[in-house]
């Protein structure tokens, strides 16, 4: 085999591996894209995993950023657009999910920040109570769009006006990535440290 042929073969192998890496993954029957477009920016999958409650699979979560981050501080400090995408794996009362998210936010936010988070919390609580139920396969996204704010979309439909304070988006991210996350294995998966 000539040197040129070897380099061509190595290049073809690298291209094949790159294409395989860019392919969507299947997580509990949910398609997780390797990249998404948001606000004119291409975001890459930072990590994805499954939220378990005892032994039950509740939802998949996937985190998209402009570049890879392996700590919560890197995620929160990352410039540009960001997305957390959640897809339900079982039917759930949307109001109960909203309460769980609020509890997770309270457990992971500094006490001195809570007062400024209350308006966003009230809006988020109202959004989920209006949904009534989320069925297996339903999804919602939490997007940070610079100069716009936090946009929460349920089943692809934005819910009300964006919440402008970045502190609110960061508090939401701490539900999954903070010191008392919803699920420690999911936290590691979202940070790309492990997979669930």
Foldseek 3Di string as FASTA:
>chain_A
DDPVVVVVVVVVVVVVVVVVQQAWDAALNDTHGQWDADPNAIWGWQFKAFQDDVNDTFKIKIKTANDAAQALVCVLPGDFKIKIKIFTQAKDFLLVVLVLLVVLLVVFDDPVCVVVQVVVSVQSNVQSNVVGMDGGGWMWMWMQGPPQATWIATSNHTRDGHDHDSVNVSSSVCCQRGPDHSDVQRNNRNNVNDYD
